[in-house]
Amino acid sequence: MARVFPCLWFDGNAEEAAEFYVTLLPDSHVDKVWRSPAETPSGPPGMVLTVDFTVAGERFQGLNGGPDFRFTEAVSFAIECDDQAEVDRLWAALTASGGEPGPCGWLKDRFGLSWQIVPRRLNELLDDPDPQRARRAMEAMLKMGKIDVAELENAAAAA
């Protein structure tokens, strides 16, 4: 049976990225590093061509394709977090060493890949049966960089 998985284009640092990503979540590991048997437009024989890796049980591939293409916000990876501690840990790890915080729970890691770090509680508040609570939670979230669950709760509860 065919299997679909994302292939991420890197400029020579696919192995470094894979080794970093597998530190973020349980059930994550580098599966295989493929070296090029011949010269390619992106490098010489023996260079790391692709890296197969698993993050949170999901398969990915990193390709050292060269400088021609860059990541954009049009594609991002969302991580639904159980609590504020997990939001804080992932936010710190992904923005470290050159990553960039963004608005509304978005960030870019040091490789330029966009992520959404979303506490599960945000989704619950936005789905609140009371539309005013949901609106207040949304308005609070729109003012945040890293999502703060306590601030969301306070905003939703405000009269």
Protein backbone atom coordinates (compact mmCIF):
# COMPACT_ATOMS: atom_id res chain seq x y z
CA MET A 1 0.00 0.00 0.00
CA ALA A 2 1.28 3.48 -0.85
CA ARG A 3 2.28 5.75 2.02
CA VAL A 4 2.39 9.56 1.93
CA PHE A 5 4.96 11.51 3.94
CA PRO A 6 6.37 15.04 3.70
CA CYS A 7 9.78 15.60 2.13
CA LEU A 8 11.42 18.80 3.40
CA TRP A 9 13.97 20.61 1.22
CA PHE A 10 17.14 21.73 3.02
CA ASP A 11 20.32 23.44 1.88
CA GLY A 12 22.89 20.95 3.13
CA ASN A 13 21.63 20.62 6.71
CA ALA A 14 18.91 17.94 6.49
CA GLU A 15 20.75 15.62 8.87
CA GLU A 16 21.27 18.40 11.44
CA ALA A 17 17.58 19.33 11.20
CA ALA A 18 16.43 15.71 11.56
CA GLU A 19 18.68 15.18 14.57
CA PHE A 20 17.17 18.29 16.17
CA TYR A 21 13.53 17.49 15.36
CA VAL A 22 13.74 14.00 16.88
CA THR A 23 14.67 15.55 20.26
CA LEU A 24 11.37 17.42 20.49
CA LEU A 25 8.75 14.72 21.06
CA PRO A 26 8.50 11.08 22.18
CA ASP A 27 8.43 8.31 19.56
CA SER A 28 10.93 10.24 17.42
CA HIS A 29 14.15 8.97 15.85
CA VAL A 30 16.40 9.18 12.80
CA ASP A 31 15.66 6.10 10.70
CA LYS A 32 18.15 6.20 7.84
CA VAL A 33 20.75 8.52 6.35
CA TRP A 34 21.10 8.08 2.60
CA ARG A 35 24.33 9.14 0.93
CA SER A 36 24.53 10.02 -2.73
CA PRO A 37 26.25 7.35 -4.84
CA ALA A 38 27.05 9.94 -7.54
CA GLU A 39 27.55 13.65 -7.99
CA THR A 40 24.29 15.61 -8.02
CA PRO A 41 23.45 19.28 -8.60
CA SER A 42 23.47 19.71 -4.81
CA GLY A 43 26.79 18.01 -4.04
CA PRO A 44 29.47 15.38 -4.50
CA PRO A 45 29.29 11.60 -4.15
CA GLY A 46 29.06 10.54 -0.52
CA MET A 47 27.20 13.63 0.67
CA VAL A 48 24.05 13.18 2.76
CA LEU A 49 21.32 13.22 0.14
CA THR A 50 18.26 12.36 2.24
CA VAL A 51 17.46 11.58 5.85
CA ASP A 52 14.43 9.54 6.83
CA PHE A 53 13.20 10.37 10.32
CA THR A 54 10.17 9.94 12.55
CA VAL A 55 8.66 12.65 14.77
CA ALA A 56 5.87 11.64 17.16
CA GLY A 57 5.34 8.47 15.15
CA GLU A 58 5.02 10.31 11.81
CA ARG A 59 7.50 9.73 8.99
CA PHE A 60 9.38 12.60 7.32
CA GLN A 61 12.21 12.90 4.86
CA GLY A 62 14.79 15.66 4.67
CA LEU A 63 16.41 16.28 1.29
CA ASN A 64 19.63 18.22 0.83
CA GLY A 65 18.46 19.84 -2.38
CA GLY A 66 20.60 22.98 -2.31
CA PRO A 67 19.83 26.70 -2.06
CA ASP A 68 17.13 26.91 -4.75
CA PHE A 69 14.06 26.65 -2.49
CA ARG A 70 13.20 27.94 0.99
CA PHE A 71 10.41 27.18 3.43
CA THR A 72 7.47 29.59 3.61
CA GLU A 73 4.60 29.99 6.03
CA ALA A 74 2.35 28.36 3.42
CA VAL A 75 3.35 25.05 5.04
CA SER A 76 3.72 24.63 8.78
CA PHE A 77 3.66 21.87 11.35
CA ALA A 78 1.18 22.20 14.21
CA ILE A 79 1.81 20.62 17.58
CA GLU A 80 -1.17 20.38 19.91
CA CYS A 81 0.26 20.58 23.44
CA ASP A 82 -1.25 19.12 26.60
CA ASP A 83 -0.34 22.04 28.86
CA GLN A 84 1.56 25.30 29.28
CA ALA A 85 4.77 23.50 30.28
CA GLU A 86 4.82 21.67 26.94
CA VAL A 87 4.07 24.93 25.06
CA ASP A 88 6.93 26.64 26.90
CA ARG A 89 9.41 23.78 26.30
CA LEU A 90 8.68 23.46 22.58
CA TRP A 91 8.60 27.22 22.04
CA ALA A 92 12.00 27.61 23.71
CA ALA A 93 13.55 24.70 21.79
CA LEU A 94 12.23 25.77 18.39
CA THR A 95 13.10 29.47 18.74
CA ALA A 96 16.59 28.78 20.13
CA SER A 97 19.75 29.22 18.06
CA GLY A 98 18.26 31.52 15.45
CA GLY A 99 14.58 30.62 15.47
CA GLU A 100 12.07 33.47 15.32
CA PRO A 101 8.91 33.91 17.39
CA GLY A 102 5.82 34.93 15.49
CA PRO A 103 2.22 35.87 16.25
CA CYS A 104 -0.62 33.67 17.49
CA GLY A 105 1.48 30.64 18.43
CA TRP A 106 3.48 30.58 15.19
CA LEU A 107 7.26 30.53 14.99
CA LYS A 108 10.08 29.65 12.63
CA ASP A 109 12.84 27.33 13.71
CA ARG A 110 16.51 27.96 12.88
CA PHE A 111 16.08 26.08 9.59
CA GLY A 112 13.25 28.39 8.51
CA LEU A 113 10.46 25.83 8.96
CA SER A 114 7.22 27.25 10.40
CA TRP A 115 5.50 25.66 13.40
CA GLN A 116 2.28 26.30 15.29
CA ILE A 117 2.57 25.56 19.01
CA VAL A 118 -1.04 25.25 20.14
CA PRO A 119 -2.25 24.35 23.62
CA ARG A 120 -5.18 21.96 23.48
CA ARG A 121 -7.05 24.34 25.80
CA LEU A 122 -7.07 27.03 23.08
CA ASN A 123 -9.08 24.76 20.79
CA GLU A 124 -11.45 23.93 23.64
CA LEU A 125 -12.01 27.62 24.42
CA LEU A 126 -12.56 28.51 20.76
CA ASP A 127 -15.18 25.75 20.63
CA ASP A 128 -16.93 26.99 23.80
CA PRO A 129 -20.73 26.82 23.47
CA ASP A 130 -20.86 30.41 24.80
CA PRO A 131 -19.92 32.52 21.75
CA GLN A 132 -18.83 35.43 23.95
CA ARG A 133 -16.31 33.26 25.82
CA ALA A 134 -15.01 31.93 22.51
CA ARG A 135 -14.74 35.48 21.09
CA ARG A 136 -12.84 36.74 24.14
CA ALA A 137 -10.42 33.79 23.96
CA MET A 138 -9.85 34.43 20.22
CA GLU A 139 -9.26 38.13 20.76
CA ALA A 140 -6.73 37.36 23.51
CA MET A 141 -4.93 34.80 21.33
CA LEU A 142 -4.65 37.31 18.47
CA LYS A 143 -2.57 39.58 20.74
CA MET A 144 -0.11 36.83 21.73
CA GLY A 145 3.11 35.47 20.36
CA LYS A 146 3.59 32.32 22.42
CA ILE A 147 0.15 31.22 23.62
CA ASP A 148 -0.43 31.66 27.35
CA VAL A 149 -3.18 29.35 28.65
CA ALA A 150 -3.78 31.33 31.86
CA GLU A 151 -4.30 34.53 29.87
CA LEU A 152 -6.72 32.72 27.56
CA GLU A 153 -8.67 31.40 30.54
CA ASN A 154 -8.79 34.86 32.14
CA ALA A 155 -9.94 36.47 28.91
CA ALA A 156 -12.65 33.86 28.33
CA ALA A 157 -13.93 34.23 31.90
CA ALA A 158 -13.97 38.06 31.85
CA ALA A 159 -17.43 39.58 31.93
